[in-house]
């Protein structure tokens, strides 16, 4: 089995007395697309800046593309493409200028893809970067990262400012690059409906700490919302399942979100508490799971 493309162990970064990232350990395997999730201020951007060597950790270890980002060789650095939330290009650059400059830096530059994306992203007639709309600027930065033909893409809110059509084109292109070039992707976004169509793994952080990392399909298979039209004690449900959230209403109903749902186990629970015919179980999408987990993480 190949080494992870990204590996952190106890990674930490403090600003004064405040820990922005706190003993964070996670991995990204080759060929995977990992959704890096968290509410605003959770530590995602700080983590990504450490992965790129833009910030020095105050503790822990990080390995990216086979080395420590602070000690990367030119070859290792060329294997990683980065799109930050606030990335900008020189204001005088037109799309062709930016492509020409980037092409000179990267030996694996994909010129045919650049031409294709100029059309797909409707940038052929765009003017200088300083006159572009926010959406055009984002598309230009995405184009440059994708055409670098890197082995690893690290993207922090890359689709911010894109309309629905542009976001769909972006998702399609990420999937195409990941599948055809075996590129690994670390992708942070608040647009969870887009992420759900793209990623195969999820890592969720809160207050700089890792809450969970799992394959998306495993997560979707095991997390369920359970609505029981009968009052059930929290301890009774907790005997069978790990609870994300739990509440009872004045009408004698119980609503819970569980981490480890299993039909056979739920059947045993329902028969034991005489509520099998009084329960409804709902699948949850990524956005619903994110909301439930983050609001009940403490």
C-alpha atoms as a PDB file:
ATOM      1  CA  UNK A   1       0.000   0.000   0.000  1.00  0.00           C
ATOM      2  CA  UNK A   2       1.387   3.420  -1.003  1.00  0.00           C
ATOM      3  CA  UNK A   3       2.181   6.116   1.525  1.00  0.00           C
ATOM      4  CA  UNK A   4      -0.520   8.748   2.122  1.00  0.00           C
ATOM      5  CA  UNK A   5      -0.222  11.870  -0.025  1.00  0.00           C
ATOM      6  CA  UNK A   6      -0.996  13.920   3.098  1.00  0.00           C
ATOM      7  CA  UNK A   7      -0.337  12.775   6.651  1.00  0.00           C
ATOM      8  CA  UNK A   8      -0.501  14.827   9.817  1.00  0.00           C
ATOM      9  CA  UNK A   9       0.144  13.670  13.364  1.00  0.00           C
ATOM     10  CA  UNK A  10      -0.684  15.970  16.271  1.00  0.00           C
ATOM     11  CA  UNK A  11      -0.491  18.989  13.972  1.00  0.00           C
ATOM     12  CA  UNK A  12      -1.002  22.207  15.932  1.00  0.00           C
ATOM     13  CA  UNK A  13      -0.880  25.917  15.335  1.00  0.00           C
ATOM     14  CA  UNK A  14      -1.480  28.604  17.949  1.00  0.00           C
ATOM     15  CA  UNK A  15      -1.819  32.351  17.534  1.00  0.00           C
ATOM     16  CA  UNK A  16      -0.854  33.734  20.912  1.00  0.00           C
ATOM     17  CA  UNK A  17      -2.831  31.724  23.455  1.00  0.00           C
ATOM     18  CA  UNK A  18      -5.493  30.643  20.963  1.00  0.00           C
ATOM     19  CA  UNK A  19      -5.115  27.226  19.320  1.00  0.00           C
ATOM     20  CA  UNK A  20      -6.399  27.444  15.737  1.00  0.00           C
ATOM     21  CA  UNK A  21      -5.378  23.829  15.035  1.00  0.00           C
ATOM     22  CA  UNK A  22      -5.103  21.447  17.968  1.00  0.00           C
ATOM     23  CA  UNK A  23      -3.354  18.046  17.697  1.00  0.00           C
ATOM     24  CA  UNK A  24      -4.893  17.312  14.305  1.00  0.00           C
ATOM     25  CA  UNK A  25      -4.183  13.894  12.781  1.00  0.00           C
ATOM     26  CA  UNK A  26      -5.599  12.802   9.438  1.00  0.00           C
ATOM     27  CA  UNK A  27      -4.563  11.223   6.133  1.00  0.00           C
ATOM     28  CA  UNK A  28      -5.329  11.571   2.430  1.00  0.00           C
ATOM     29  CA  UNK A  29      -4.598   8.502   0.340  1.00  0.00           C
ATOM     30  CA  UNK A  30      -3.495   8.592  -3.283  1.00  0.00           C
ATOM     31  CA  UNK A  31      -6.364   8.923  -5.732  1.00  0.00           C
ATOM     32  CA  UNK A  32      -8.923  10.021  -3.133  1.00  0.00           C
ATOM     33  CA  UNK A  33     -10.981  13.212  -2.988  1.00  0.00           C
ATOM     34  CA  UNK A  34     -11.332  14.257   0.637  1.00  0.00           C
ATOM     35  CA  UNK A  35     -13.911  16.800   1.732  1.00  0.00           C
ATOM     36  CA  UNK A  36     -12.365  18.856   4.527  1.00  0.00           C
ATOM     37  CA  UNK A  37     -15.331  20.186   6.497  1.00  0.00           C
ATOM     38  CA  UNK A  38     -15.922  22.502   9.420  1.00  0.00           C
ATOM     39  CA  UNK A  39     -17.802  25.640  10.370  1.00  0.00           C
ATOM     40  CA  UNK A  40     -16.171  29.045   9.949  1.00  0.00           C
ATOM     41  CA  UNK A  41     -13.213  29.299  12.309  1.00  0.00           C
ATOM     42  CA  UNK A  42     -12.825  25.521  12.661  1.00  0.00           C
ATOM     43  CA  UNK A  43      -9.192  25.638  11.480  1.00  0.00           C
ATOM     44  CA  UNK A  44      -9.497  24.501   7.855  1.00  0.00           C
ATOM     45  CA  UNK A  45      -7.643  27.387   6.208  1.00  0.00           C
ATOM     46  CA  UNK A  46      -4.898  27.397   8.854  1.00  0.00           C
ATOM     47  CA  UNK A  47      -4.403  23.666   8.280  1.00  0.00           C
ATOM     48  CA  UNK A  48      -4.194  24.099   4.520  1.00  0.00           C
ATOM     49  CA  UNK A  49      -1.664  26.903   4.867  1.00  0.00           C
ATOM     50  CA  UNK A  50       0.519  24.593   6.985  1.00  0.00           C
ATOM     51  CA  UNK A  51       0.136  21.835   4.380  1.00  0.00           C
ATOM     52  CA  UNK A  52       1.486  24.287   1.792  1.00  0.00           C
ATOM     53  CA  UNK A  53       4.333  25.508   4.003  1.00  0.00           C
ATOM     54  CA  UNK A  54       2.862  29.008   4.289  1.00  0.00           C
ATOM     55  CA  UNK A  55       2.549  28.701   8.069  1.00  0.00           C
ATOM     56  CA  UNK A  56       4.906  26.897  10.414  1.00  0.00           C
ATOM     57  CA  UNK A  57       3.262  24.480  12.893  1.00  0.00           C
ATOM     58  CA  UNK A  58       3.752  25.110  16.578  1.00  0.00           C
ATOM     59  CA  UNK A  59       3.563  21.368  17.175  1.00  0.00           C
ATOM     60  CA  UNK A  60       3.181  17.998  15.507  1.00  0.00           C
ATOM     61  CA  UNK A  61       4.257  16.585  12.163  1.00  0.00           C
ATOM     62  CA  UNK A  62       3.100  17.066   8.576  1.00  0.00           C
ATOM     63  CA  UNK A  63       4.117  15.218   5.416  1.00  0.00           C
ATOM     64  CA  UNK A  64       2.815  16.300   2.000  1.00  0.00           C
ATOM     65  CA  UNK A  65       3.892  14.831  -1.358  1.00  0.00           C
ATOM     66  CA  UNK A  66       6.577  12.798   0.358  1.00  0.00           C
ATOM     67  CA  UNK A  67       8.190  15.544   2.399  1.00  0.00           C
ATOM     68  CA  UNK A  68       7.882  18.349   4.914  1.00  0.00           C
ATOM     69  CA  UNK A  69       6.481  21.402   3.072  1.00  0.00           C
ATOM     70  CA  UNK A  70       9.174  23.577   4.673  1.00  0.00           C
ATOM     71  CA  UNK A  71      11.858  21.396   3.111  1.00  0.00           C
ATOM     72  CA  UNK A  72      10.266  20.606  -0.269  1.00  0.00           C
ATOM     73  CA  UNK A  73      12.506  20.237  -3.281  1.00  0.00           C
ATOM     74  CA  UNK A  74      11.425  22.047  -6.454  1.00  0.00           C
ATOM     75  CA  UNK A  75      10.172  18.707  -7.777  1.00  0.00           C
ATOM     76  CA  UNK A  76       8.013  18.053  -4.720  1.00  0.00           C
ATOM     77  CA  UNK A  77       6.610  21.584  -4.818  1.00  0.00           C
ATOM     78  CA  UNK A  78       5.650  21.162  -8.482  1.00  0.00           C
ATOM     79  CA  UNK A  79       3.551  18.125  -7.552  1.00  0.00           C
ATOM     80  CA  UNK A  80       1.131  20.237  -5.481  1.00  0.00           C
ATOM     81  CA  UNK A  81      -1.361  22.790  -6.819  1.00  0.00           C
ATOM     82  CA  UNK A  82      -3.123  25.178  -4.458  1.00  0.00           C
ATOM     83  CA  UNK A  83      -6.178  27.393  -4.724  1.00  0.00           C
ATOM     84  CA  UNK A  84      -6.745  29.568  -1.666  1.00  0.00           C
ATOM     85  CA  UNK A  85      -9.938  31.405  -0.790  1.00  0.00           C
ATOM     86  CA  UNK A  86      -8.289  34.798  -1.337  1.00  0.00           C
ATOM     87  CA  UNK A  87      -5.910  33.935  -4.181  1.00  0.00           C
ATOM     88  CA  UNK A  88      -5.216  36.701  -6.699  1.00  0.00           C
ATOM     89  CA  UNK A  89      -3.170  37.209  -9.845  1.00  0.00           C
ATOM     90  CA  UNK A  90      -1.400  40.373 -11.020  1.00  0.00           C
ATOM     91  CA  UNK A  91      -4.062  42.848 -12.118  1.00  0.00           C
ATOM     92  CA  UNK A  92      -2.554  43.428 -15.589  1.00  0.00           C
ATOM     93  CA  UNK A  93      -2.710  39.755 -16.592  1.00  0.00           C
ATOM     94  CA  UNK A  94      -5.156  38.538 -19.199  1.00  0.00           C
ATOM     95  CA  UNK A  95      -6.027  34.805 -19.293  1.00  0.00           C
ATOM     96  CA  UNK A  96      -3.449  34.087 -22.015  1.00  0.00           C
ATOM     97  CA  UNK A  97      -0.762  35.926 -19.996  1.00  0.00           C
ATOM     98  CA  UNK A  98      -1.512  33.882 -16.879  1.00  0.00           C
ATOM     99  CA  UNK A  99      -1.450  30.638 -18.849  1.00  0.00           C
ATOM    100  CA  UNK A 100       1.823  31.529 -20.561  1.00  0.00           C
ATOM    101  CA  UNK A 101       3.477  32.408 -17.237  1.00  0.00           C
ATOM    102  CA  UNK A 102       2.278  29.236 -15.521  1.00  0.00           C
ATOM    103  CA  UNK A 103       3.248  27.042 -18.475  1.00  0.00           C
ATOM    104  CA  UNK A 104       6.851  28.200 -18.146  1.00  0.00           C
ATOM    105  CA  UNK A 105       6.996  26.986 -14.528  1.00  0.00           C
ATOM    106  CA  UNK A 106       5.463  23.503 -14.868  1.00  0.00           C
ATOM    107  CA  UNK A 107       6.951  20.846 -17.113  1.00  0.00           C
ATOM    108  CA  UNK A 108       3.751  18.775 -16.991  1.00  0.00           C
ATOM    109  CA  UNK A 109       1.522  21.682 -18.012  1.00  0.00           C
ATOM    110  CA  UNK A 110      -1.580  20.528 -19.923  1.00  0.00           C
ATOM    111  CA  UNK A 111      -1.998  23.018 -22.788  1.00  0.00           C
ATOM    112  CA  UNK A 112      -4.950  21.225 -24.388  1.00  0.00           C
ATOM    113  CA  UNK A 113      -6.847  21.272 -21.089  1.00  0.00           C
ATOM    114  CA  UNK A 114      -6.090  24.980 -20.694  1.00  0.00           C
ATOM    115  CA  UNK A 115      -7.642  25.726 -24.084  1.00  0.00           C
ATOM    116  CA  UNK A 116     -10.635  23.550 -23.269  1.00  0.00           C
ATOM    117  CA  UNK A 117     -11.209  25.245 -19.906  1.00  0.00           C
ATOM    118  CA  UNK A 118     -10.917  28.712 -21.416  1.00  0.00           C
ATOM    119  CA  UNK A 119     -13.987  27.781 -23.460  1.00  0.00           C
ATOM    120  CA  UNK A 120     -15.801  25.825 -20.742  1.00  0.00           C
ATOM    121  CA  UNK A 121     -15.266  28.582 -18.175  1.00  0.00           C
ATOM    122  CA  UNK A 122     -16.093  31.317 -20.742  1.00  0.00           C
ATOM    123  CA  UNK A 123     -12.774  33.111 -20.260  1.00  0.00           C
ATOM    124  CA  UNK A 124     -11.647  33.469 -23.880  1.00  0.00           C
ATOM    125  CA  UNK A 125     -12.774  37.095 -24.046  1.00  0.00           C
ATOM    126  CA  UNK A 126     -12.132  38.043 -20.438  1.00  0.00           C
ATOM    127  CA  UNK A 127     -10.074  41.187 -19.966  1.00  0.00           C
ATOM    128  CA  UNK A 128      -7.349  41.958 -17.469  1.00  0.00           C
ATOM    129  CA  UNK A 129      -7.573  40.203 -14.121  1.00  0.00           C
ATOM    130  CA  UNK A 130      -8.307  43.430 -12.229  1.00  0.00           C
ATOM    131  CA  UNK A 131     -11.429  43.985 -14.359  1.00  0.00           C
ATOM    132  CA  UNK A 132     -12.788  40.435 -14.036  1.00  0.00           C
ATOM    133  CA  UNK A 133     -15.830  39.567 -11.939  1.00  0.00           C
ATOM    134  CA  UNK A 134     -15.338  37.542  -8.767  1.00  0.00           C
ATOM    135  CA  UNK A 135     -16.585  34.438 -10.549  1.00  0.00           C
ATOM    136  CA  UNK A 136     -14.185  34.919 -13.476  1.00  0.00           C
ATOM    137  CA  UNK A 137     -11.281  35.372 -11.079  1.00  0.00           C
ATOM    138  CA  UNK A 138     -12.135  32.112  -9.300  1.00  0.00           C
ATOM    139  CA  UNK A 139     -12.417  30.265 -12.601  1.00  0.00           C
ATOM    140  CA  UNK A 140      -9.042  31.605 -13.709  1.00  0.00           C
ATOM    141  CA  UNK A 141      -7.341  30.399 -10.516  1.00  0.00           C
ATOM    142  CA  UNK A 142      -9.026  26.994 -10.807  1.00  0.00           C
ATOM    143  CA  UNK A 143      -7.923  26.681 -14.437  1.00  0.00           C
ATOM    144  CA  UNK A 144      -4.288  27.356 -13.554  1.00  0.00           C
ATOM    145  CA  UNK A 145      -4.345  24.796 -10.739  1.00  0.00           C
ATOM    146  CA  UNK A 146      -5.971  22.058 -12.826  1.00  0.00           C
ATOM    147  CA  UNK A 147      -3.654  22.537 -15.796  1.00  0.00           C
ATOM    148  CA  UNK A 148      -0.544  22.284 -13.630  1.00  0.00           C
ATOM    149  CA  UNK A 149      -1.199  18.529 -13.774  1.00  0.00           C
ATOM    150  CA  UNK A 150      -0.188  18.162 -10.156  1.00  0.00           C
ATOM    151  CA  UNK A 151      -0.400  14.926  -8.215  1.00  0.00           C
ATOM    152  CA  UNK A 152      -2.188  16.734  -5.380  1.00  0.00           C
ATOM    153  CA  UNK A 153      -4.754  19.538  -5.444  1.00  0.00           C
ATOM    154  CA  UNK A 154      -5.373  21.513  -2.247  1.00  0.00           C
ATOM    155  CA  UNK A 155      -8.393  23.768  -2.703  1.00  0.00           C
ATOM    156  CA  UNK A 156      -9.832  26.111  -0.075  1.00  0.00           C
ATOM    157  CA  UNK A 157     -13.364  27.283  -0.990  1.00  0.00           C
ATOM    158  CA  UNK A 158     -12.527  27.196  -4.714  1.00  0.00           C
ATOM    159  CA  UNK A 159     -16.146  27.538  -5.890  1.00  0.00           C
ATOM    160  CA  UNK A 160     -16.953  30.644  -3.828  1.00  0.00           C
ATOM    161  CA  UNK A 161     -18.452  33.235  -6.138  1.00  0.00           C
ATOM    162  CA  UNK A 162     -19.327  30.777  -8.916  1.00  0.00           C
ATOM    163  CA  UNK A 163     -22.868  30.463 -10.203  1.00  0.00           C
ATOM    164  CA  UNK A 164     -24.666  27.104 -10.413  1.00  0.00           C
ATOM    165  CA  UNK A 165     -23.585  26.390 -13.991  1.00  0.00           C
ATOM    166  CA  UNK A 166     -19.945  27.206 -13.286  1.00  0.00           C
ATOM    167  CA  UNK A 167     -19.964  25.121 -10.103  1.00  0.00           C
ATOM    168  CA  UNK A 168     -21.284  22.134 -12.014  1.00  0.00           C
ATOM    169  CA  UNK A 169     -18.542  22.519 -14.617  1.00  0.00           C
ATOM    170  CA  UNK A 170     -16.005  22.743 -11.798  1.00  0.00           C
ATOM    171  CA  UNK A 171     -17.286  19.554 -10.145  1.00  0.00           C
ATOM    172  CA  UNK A 172     -17.197  17.697 -13.461  1.00  0.00           C
ATOM    173  CA  UNK A 173     -13.646  18.835 -14.097  1.00  0.00           C
ATOM    174  CA  UNK A 174     -12.421  17.821 -10.637  1.00  0.00           C
ATOM    175  CA  UNK A 175     -13.859  14.353 -11.146  1.00  0.00           C
ATOM    176  CA  UNK A 176     -12.326  14.084 -14.606  1.00  0.00           C
ATOM    177  CA  UNK A 177      -8.879  15.158 -13.424  1.00  0.00           C
ATOM    178  CA  UNK A 178      -9.013  12.875 -10.379  1.00  0.00           C
ATOM    179  CA  UNK A 179     -10.118   9.862 -12.419  1.00  0.00           C
ATOM    180  CA  UNK A 180      -7.954  10.320 -15.514  1.00  0.00           C
ATOM    181  CA  UNK A 181      -4.757  11.582 -13.886  1.00  0.00           C
ATOM    182  CA  UNK A 182      -5.089   9.742 -10.542  1.00  0.00           C
ATOM    183  CA  UNK A 183      -4.851  13.109  -8.829  1.00  0.00           C
ATOM    184  CA  UNK A 184      -5.546  13.339  -5.082  1.00  0.00           C
ATOM    185  CA  UNK A 185      -7.689  16.240  -3.887  1.00  0.00           C
ATOM    186  CA  UNK A 186      -8.186  17.954  -0.535  1.00  0.00           C
ATOM    187  CA  UNK A 187     -11.259  20.131  -0.964  1.00  0.00           C
ATOM    188  CA  UNK A 188     -12.806  22.542   1.522  1.00  0.00           C
ATOM    189  CA  UNK A 189     -16.196  24.071   0.724  1.00  0.00           C
ATOM    190  CA  UNK A 190     -19.413  25.185   2.374  1.00  0.00           C
ATOM    191  CA  UNK A 191     -21.299  24.105  -0.763  1.00  0.00           C
ATOM    192  CA  UNK A 192     -21.990  20.632   0.583  1.00  0.00           C
ATOM    193  CA  UNK A 193     -24.340  19.595  -2.203  1.00  0.00           C
ATOM    194  CA  UNK A 194     -21.425  20.064  -4.633  1.00  0.00           C
ATOM    195  CA  UNK A 195     -19.046  18.203  -2.336  1.00  0.00           C
ATOM    196  CA  UNK A 196     -21.411  15.269  -2.021  1.00  0.00           C
ATOM    197  CA  UNK A 197     -21.235  14.719  -5.802  1.00  0.00           C
ATOM    198  CA  UNK A 198     -17.451  14.902  -5.774  1.00  0.00           C
ATOM    199  CA  UNK A 199     -15.773  13.429  -2.706  1.00  0.00           C
ATOM    200  CA  UNK A 200     -15.244   9.860  -1.556  1.00  0.00           C
ATOM    201  CA  UNK A 201     -14.007  10.679   1.959  1.00  0.00           C
ATOM    202  CA  UNK A 202     -14.985  13.165   4.660  1.00  0.00           C
ATOM    203  CA  UNK A 203     -12.882  14.694   7.425  1.00  0.00           C
ATOM    204  CA  UNK A 204     -14.726  16.949   9.877  1.00  0.00           C
ATOM    205  CA  UNK A 205     -12.918  19.308  12.234  1.00  0.00           C
ATOM    206  CA  UNK A 206     -14.168  21.597  14.987  1.00  0.00           C
ATOM    207  CA  UNK A 207     -12.125  24.046  17.068  1.00  0.00           C
ATOM    208  CA  UNK A 208      -9.017  22.740  15.354  1.00  0.00           C
ATOM    209  CA  UNK A 209      -9.647  19.116  16.373  1.00  0.00           C
ATOM    210  CA  UNK A 210     -10.568  16.154  14.193  1.00  0.00           C
ATOM    211  CA  UNK A 211     -14.108  14.993  14.970  1.00  0.00           C
ATOM    212  CA  UNK A 212     -14.219  12.175  12.442  1.00  0.00           C
ATOM    213  CA  UNK A 213     -12.815  10.872   9.168  1.00  0.00           C
ATOM    214  CA  UNK A 214     -14.662   8.280   7.136  1.00  0.00           C
ATOM    215  CA  UNK A 215     -15.578   7.170   3.630  1.00  0.00           C
ATOM    216  CA  UNK A 216     -18.623   9.117   2.479  1.00  0.00           C
ATOM    217  CA  UNK A 217     -20.618   6.039   1.511  1.00  0.00           C
ATOM    218  CA  UNK A 218     -19.897   4.376   4.863  1.00  0.00           C
ATOM    219  CA  UNK A 219     -21.002   7.532   6.647  1.00  0.00           C
ATOM    220  CA  UNK A 220     -24.208   7.792   4.628  1.00  0.00           C
ATOM    221  CA  UNK A 221     -24.939   4.135   5.284  1.00  0.00           C
ATOM    222  CA  UNK A 222     -24.551   4.400   9.044  1.00  0.00           C
ATOM    223  CA  UNK A 223     -26.015   7.807   9.978  1.00  0.00           C
ATOM    224  CA  UNK A 224     -29.810   7.918  10.262  1.00  0.00           C
ATOM    225  CA  UNK A 225     -32.478  10.165  11.712  1.00  0.00           C
ATOM    226  CA  UNK A 226     -34.908   8.149  13.814  1.00  0.00           C
ATOM    227  CA  UNK A 227     -38.383   9.475  14.634  1.00  0.00           C
ATOM    228  CA  UNK A 228     -40.256   7.377  17.198  1.00  0.00           C
ATOM    229  CA  UNK A 229     -43.866   8.291  17.970  1.00  0.00           C
ATOM    230  CA  UNK A 230     -43.357   7.278  21.571  1.00  0.00           C
ATOM    231  CA  UNK A 231     -41.265   8.642  24.416  1.00  0.00           C
ATOM    232  CA  UNK A 232     -38.048   6.642  24.764  1.00  0.00           C
ATOM    233  CA  UNK A 233     -35.349   7.256  27.359  1.00  0.00           C
ATOM    234  CA  UNK A 234     -32.002   8.375  26.015  1.00  0.00           C
ATOM    235  CA  UNK A 235     -30.263   5.570  27.904  1.00  0.00           C
ATOM    236  CA  UNK A 236     -32.511   2.994  26.243  1.00  0.00           C
ATOM    237  CA  UNK A 237     -31.571   4.132  22.740  1.00  0.00           C
ATOM    238  CA  UNK A 238     -27.911   4.535  23.732  1.00  0.00           C
ATOM    239  CA  UNK A 239     -27.794   0.835  24.662  1.00  0.00           C
ATOM    240  CA  UNK A 240     -28.044   0.061  20.942  1.00  0.00           C
ATOM    241  CA  UNK A 241     -26.626   3.080  19.095  1.00  0.00           C
ATOM    242  CA  UNK A 242     -24.073   5.890  19.312  1.00  0.00           C
ATOM    243  CA  UNK A 243     -26.107   9.065  19.487  1.00  0.00           C
ATOM    244  CA  UNK A 244     -25.327  12.247  17.576  1.00  0.00           C
ATOM    245  CA  UNK A 245     -28.397  14.022  18.939  1.00  0.00           C
ATOM    246  CA  UNK A 246     -31.424  13.167  21.066  1.00  0.00           C
ATOM    247  CA  UNK A 247     -34.601  15.007  21.996  1.00  0.00           C
ATOM    248  CA  UNK A 248     -38.110  14.261  23.188  1.00  0.00           C
ATOM    249  CA  UNK A 249     -41.165  16.419  22.639  1.00  0.00           C
ATOM    250  CA  UNK A 250     -44.057  17.288  24.893  1.00  0.00           C
ATOM    251  CA  UNK A 251     -46.241  15.180  22.613  1.00  0.00           C
ATOM    252  CA  UNK A 252     -44.414  12.063  23.683  1.00  0.00           C
ATOM    253  CA  UNK A 253     -42.231  11.696  20.583  1.00  0.00           C
ATOM    254  CA  UNK A 254     -38.527  10.907  20.338  1.00  0.00           C
ATOM    255  CA  UNK A 255     -36.219  12.202  17.613  1.00  0.00           C
ATOM    256  CA  UNK A 256     -32.599  11.118  17.425  1.00  0.00           C
ATOM    257  CA  UNK A 257     -29.681  10.968  14.999  1.00  0.00           C
ATOM    258  CA  UNK A 258     -27.503   7.875  15.329  1.00  0.00           C
ATOM    259  CA  UNK A 259     -24.008   7.164  14.007  1.00  0.00           C
ATOM    260  CA  UNK A 260     -24.138   3.398  13.651  1.00  0.00           C
ATOM    261  CA  UNK A 261     -27.559   2.485  12.296  1.00  0.00           C
ATOM    262  CA  UNK A 262     -28.198  -1.146  11.388  1.00  0.00           C
ATOM    263  CA  UNK A 263     -31.588  -2.551  10.385  1.00  0.00           C
ATOM    264  CA  UNK A 264     -31.219  -5.789  12.322  1.00  0.00           C
ATOM    265  CA  UNK A 265     -30.105  -3.941  15.439  1.00  0.00           C
ATOM    266  CA  UNK A 266     -32.945  -1.444  15.086  1.00  0.00           C
ATOM    267  CA  UNK A 267     -35.360  -4.330  14.782  1.00  0.00           C
ATOM    268  CA  UNK A 268     -34.154  -5.760  18.092  1.00  0.00           C
ATOM    269  CA  UNK A 269     -34.432  -2.344  19.720  1.00  0.00           C
ATOM    270  CA  UNK A 270     -37.951  -1.831  18.386  1.00  0.00           C
ATOM    271  CA  UNK A 271     -39.199  -5.205  19.540  1.00  0.00           C
ATOM    272  CA  UNK A 272     -37.647  -4.791  22.996  1.00  0.00           C
ATOM    273  CA  UNK A 273     -39.334  -1.409  23.491  1.00  0.00           C
ATOM    274  CA  UNK A 274     -42.519  -2.206  21.585  1.00  0.00           C
ATOM    275  CA  UNK A 275     -42.094   0.675  19.140  1.00  0.00           C
ATOM    276  CA  UNK A 276     -41.147  -0.938  15.844  1.00  0.00           C
ATOM    277  CA  UNK A 277     -44.452  -0.016  14.201  1.00  0.00           C
ATOM    278  CA  UNK A 278     -44.261   3.483  15.683  1.00  0.00           C
ATOM    279  CA  UNK A 279     -40.945   4.533  14.134  1.00  0.00           C
ATOM    280  CA  UNK A 280     -39.749   6.125  10.925  1.00  0.00           C
ATOM    281  CA  UNK A 281     -36.109   6.049   9.839  1.00  0.00           C
ATOM    282  CA  UNK A 282     -34.728   8.661   7.415  1.00  0.00           C
ATOM    283  CA  UNK A 283     -31.599   8.762   5.284  1.00  0.00           C
ATOM    284  CA  UNK A 284     -29.562  11.965   5.576  1.00  0.00           C
ATOM    285  CA  UNK A 285     -27.585  13.871   2.983  1.00  0.00           C
ATOM    286  CA  UNK A 286     -24.148  15.325   3.688  1.00  0.00           C
ATOM    287  CA  UNK A 287     -25.467  18.776   4.554  1.00  0.00           C
ATOM    288  CA  UNK A 288     -27.981  17.417   7.073  1.00  0.00           C
ATOM    289  CA  UNK A 289     -25.331  15.221   8.677  1.00  0.00           C
ATOM    290  CA  UNK A 290     -22.906  18.141   8.872  1.00  0.00           C
ATOM    291  CA  UNK A 291     -25.467  20.354  10.607  1.00  0.00           C
ATOM    292  CA  UNK A 292     -26.442  17.690  13.137  1.00  0.00           C
ATOM    293  CA  UNK A 293     -22.896  16.648  13.966  1.00  0.00           C
ATOM    294  CA  UNK A 294     -21.464  20.160  14.291  1.00  0.00           C
ATOM    295  CA  UNK A 295     -24.277  21.529  16.420  1.00  0.00           C
ATOM    296  CA  UNK A 296     -23.998  18.602  18.828  1.00  0.00           C
ATOM    297  CA  UNK A 297     -20.229  18.144  18.809  1.00  0.00           C
ATOM    298  CA  UNK A 298     -19.821  19.532  22.324  1.00  0.00           C
END
